[in-house]
Protein backbone atom coordinates (compact mmCIF):
# COMPACT_ATOMS: atom_id res chain seq x y z
CA MET A 1 88.57 106.24 94.19
CA GLN A 2 91.78 105.04 95.70
CA ILE A 3 92.52 101.44 96.59
CA THR A 4 93.54 101.45 100.25
CA LYS A 5 96.55 99.70 101.74
CA ALA A 6 94.16 96.96 102.87
CA GLY A 7 93.16 96.27 99.26
CA GLU A 8 96.75 96.39 98.07
CA TYR A 9 98.02 94.13 100.86
CA GLY A 10 95.13 91.72 100.34
CA VAL A 11 95.99 91.23 96.67
CA LEU A 12 99.72 90.86 97.44
CA GLY A 13 99.01 88.36 100.20
CA LEU A 14 96.80 86.31 97.90
CA LEU A 15 99.54 86.31 95.26
CA ALA A 16 101.77 84.58 97.83
CA LEU A 17 99.07 81.92 98.30
CA ALA A 18 98.58 81.64 94.52
CA ARG A 19 102.22 80.52 94.16
CA ARG A 20 101.32 77.38 96.09
CA PRO A 21 99.01 74.45 95.42
CA VAL A 22 95.35 75.20 96.21
CA GLY A 23 94.56 74.11 99.74
CA GLU A 24 98.13 74.38 101.03
CA VAL A 25 97.91 76.14 104.38
CA VAL A 26 100.47 78.91 104.90
CA MET A 27 101.10 80.90 108.06
CA VAL A 28 100.42 84.63 107.82
CA ASP A 29 103.94 85.34 109.09
CA LEU A 30 105.46 83.63 106.04
CA VAL A 31 103.15 85.40 103.58
CA ALA A 32 103.90 88.76 105.23
CA SER A 33 107.63 88.05 105.09
CA GLU A 34 107.56 87.10 101.41
CA GLU A 35 105.66 90.24 100.44
CA GLU A 36 107.08 92.60 103.12
CA LEU A 37 103.68 93.31 104.67
CA PRO A 38 102.68 93.97 108.30
CA VAL A 39 101.72 90.62 109.87
CA SER A 40 98.85 91.72 112.11
CA PHE A 41 97.23 93.89 109.42
CA LEU A 42 97.50 91.07 106.88
CA GLY A 43 95.89 88.68 109.37
CA LYS A 44 92.87 90.99 109.70
CA ILE A 45 92.63 91.34 105.91
CA PHE A 46 92.76 87.56 105.47
CA GLN A 47 89.91 87.23 107.99
CA SER A 48 87.80 89.47 105.71
CA LEU A 49 88.79 87.34 102.73
CA ALA A 50 87.81 84.20 104.67
CA ARG A 51 84.36 85.67 105.40
CA ALA A 52 84.02 86.33 101.64
CA GLY A 53 84.98 82.72 100.85
CA ILE A 54 88.17 83.60 98.99
CA VAL A 55 90.46 81.93 101.51
CA LYS A 56 89.99 79.23 104.12
CA SER A 57 91.49 79.55 107.57
CA ALA A 58 92.94 76.73 109.62
CA ARG A 59 93.43 77.13 113.35
CA GLY A 60 95.88 75.54 115.71
CA SER A 61 99.29 74.06 115.16
CA GLY A 62 100.13 74.28 111.47
CA GLY A 63 97.31 76.78 111.01
CA GLY A 64 97.16 79.63 108.56
CA PHE A 65 95.35 80.40 105.34
CA ALA A 66 94.87 78.74 101.95
CA LEU A 67 93.06 79.73 98.77
CA SER A 68 89.56 78.29 98.69
CA ARG A 69 89.69 77.71 94.92
CA GLU A 70 92.06 77.86 91.96
CA PRO A 71 93.81 81.24 91.40
CA ARG A 72 92.37 81.36 87.87
CA GLU A 73 88.87 81.40 89.43
CA ILE A 74 89.51 84.40 91.71
CA THR A 75 89.31 87.85 90.13
CA ILE A 76 90.99 90.96 91.43
CA LEU A 77 87.54 92.60 91.52
CA GLN A 78 86.30 89.91 93.91
CA VAL A 79 89.31 90.48 96.17
CA ILE A 80 89.10 94.27 96.21
CA GLU A 81 85.35 94.34 96.77
CA ALA A 82 85.63 91.74 99.55
CA ILE A 83 88.04 94.06 101.35
CA GLU A 84 86.94 97.55 100.27
CA GLY A 85 83.26 97.08 99.42
CA PRO A 86 81.76 98.01 96.05
CA ILE A 87 83.92 100.22 93.85
CA ALA A 88 82.50 103.72 93.33
CA LEU A 89 84.56 106.43 91.66
CA GLN A 90 82.29 109.19 92.91
CA ARG A 91 79.61 109.56 95.57
CA CYS A 92 76.93 109.84 92.89
CA LEU A 93 77.71 106.31 91.67
CA ASP A 94 77.27 104.73 95.10
CA ASP A 95 73.79 103.19 95.19
CA ASP A 96 73.45 103.88 98.92
CA ALA A 97 74.54 107.53 98.78
CA GLY A 98 72.24 108.57 95.95
CA CYS A 99 72.62 111.68 93.83
CA GLU A 100 69.98 114.23 92.93
CA HIS A 101 71.70 114.92 89.57
CA ILE A 102 72.31 111.37 88.32
CA THR A 103 69.47 111.22 85.78
CA GLY A 104 70.66 114.13 83.62
CA CYS A 105 74.21 114.82 84.69
CA ALA A 106 76.89 114.43 82.00
CA LEU A 107 79.59 114.09 84.66
CA CYS A 108 77.77 111.22 86.38
CA GLY A 109 77.50 109.46 83.01
CA LEU A 110 81.20 109.91 82.30
CA LEU A 111 82.15 108.70 85.77
CA ALA A 112 79.87 105.68 85.40
CA GLU A 113 81.61 104.77 82.13
CA ALA A 114 85.05 105.13 83.75
CA GLN A 115 83.94 103.05 86.73
CA ASP A 116 82.63 100.31 84.43
CA ARG A 117 85.99 100.17 82.62
CA VAL A 118 87.97 99.97 85.88
CA LYS A 119 85.70 97.20 87.15
CA GLU A 120 86.06 95.34 83.85
CA VAL A 121 89.87 95.37 84.13
CA PHE A 122 89.68 94.04 87.70
CA HIS A 123 86.99 91.52 86.71
CA THR A 124 88.98 90.08 83.81
CA THR A 125 92.26 89.86 85.74
CA THR A 126 92.67 86.76 87.89
CA LEU A 127 95.13 85.95 90.64
CA ALA A 128 96.72 83.40 88.31
CA GLU A 129 97.33 86.01 85.62
CA LEU A 130 98.62 88.62 88.04
CA SER A 131 100.91 86.15 89.82
CA GLY A 132 102.66 85.52 86.49
CA ARG A 133 103.74 89.16 86.47
CA HIS A 134 104.74 89.43 90.12
CA LEU A 135 107.97 88.88 92.02
CA PRO A 136 107.57 89.11 95.80
CA ALA A 137 109.33 92.08 97.39
CA GLY A 138 110.55 90.15 100.43
CA LEU A 139 112.03 87.38 98.32
CA ILE A 140 113.75 89.85 96.00
CA LYS A 141 115.28 91.51 99.04
CA LEU A 142 116.39 88.13 100.39
CA ALA A 143 117.89 87.16 97.03
CA ARG A 144 119.83 90.40 96.84
CA THR A 145 121.18 90.12 100.39
CA ARG A 146 122.16 86.50 99.86
CA GLY A 147 123.80 87.44 96.58
CA GLY A 148 123.24 83.97 95.22
CA SER A 149 126.00 82.42 97.29
CA ALA A 150 125.70 79.35 99.47
CA GLY A 151 127.20 79.14 102.88
CA THR A 152 125.26 82.03 104.41
CA GLY A 153 124.21 79.74 107.21
CA SER A 154 120.50 80.31 106.67
CA ALA A 155 118.11 77.70 105.40
CA ALA A 156 116.42 78.45 102.11
CA VAL A 157 112.69 77.89 101.90
CA LEU A 158 111.79 78.80 98.35
CA THR A 159 112.79 76.73 95.36
CA SER A 160 111.58 78.93 92.51
CA VAL A 161 109.62 82.06 91.62
CA THR A 162 109.59 83.16 88.00
CA SER A 163 107.65 86.03 86.49
CA ASP A 164 106.36 86.07 82.91
CA ALA A 165 109.17 88.55 82.18
CA GLY A 166 111.70 85.83 82.95
CA ASP A 167 113.00 87.17 86.27
CA SER A 168 113.74 84.31 88.65
CA ILE A 169 114.59 83.63 92.26
CA ARG A 170 115.66 80.07 93.06
CA PHE A 171 116.88 78.76 96.39
CA SER A 172 118.02 75.24 97.08
CA SER A 173 118.07 73.78 100.54
CA PRO A 174 121.71 73.85 101.70
CA SER A 175 121.38 70.18 102.72
CA SER A 176 120.56 69.25 99.11
CA MET A 177 123.58 71.05 97.62
CA GLY A 178 126.78 69.23 96.92
CA PRO A 179 130.20 70.56 97.87
CA GLY A 180 131.00 73.80 96.11
CA GLU A 181 127.47 74.26 94.68
CA ASN A 182 125.88 77.68 94.95
CA GLU A 183 122.28 78.78 95.17
CA THR A 184 121.18 80.45 91.98
CA VAL A 185 119.47 83.84 91.96
CA PHE A 186 118.49 85.46 88.65
CA LEU A 187 117.41 89.07 88.91
CA ASP A 188 117.45 91.57 86.11
């Protein structure tokens, strides 16, 4: 079993939504920028997540996507299976494929045990927990290119992202900074 790019991008995109209040609608372009993901592919993935009830979509001006419930209520297993379908490490463990050896095969038993453990890890890990360990790739790149100095001429959108490890990215809106104040970027 290998989690596809769709599964990976789906989780990363949801982490961007998990950093915001539940129900806050965010455009796919912004999520893709924060996580350095392809916009059109992420849009298709979010449509799958909307069909599964994990996100809500809003159309029109100001449209985008929002989490449908609290990040602590959404497991990584729910996300991956909404995008990829049921997890099966081997063909013999897929209920639809069937296997003529499953009843007495030691390998099928071992694979079933491994699959159960993988699913348990994904089932017990929530978006809230995972977001505490994650710093968005696009925002890290932005922080490094800005170098923490004000006066770059670009407006800052993000005020704070902090991982459980203590890494931080903080941007202040240039209009809110006093003379001589700098934006602060903490990256280890």
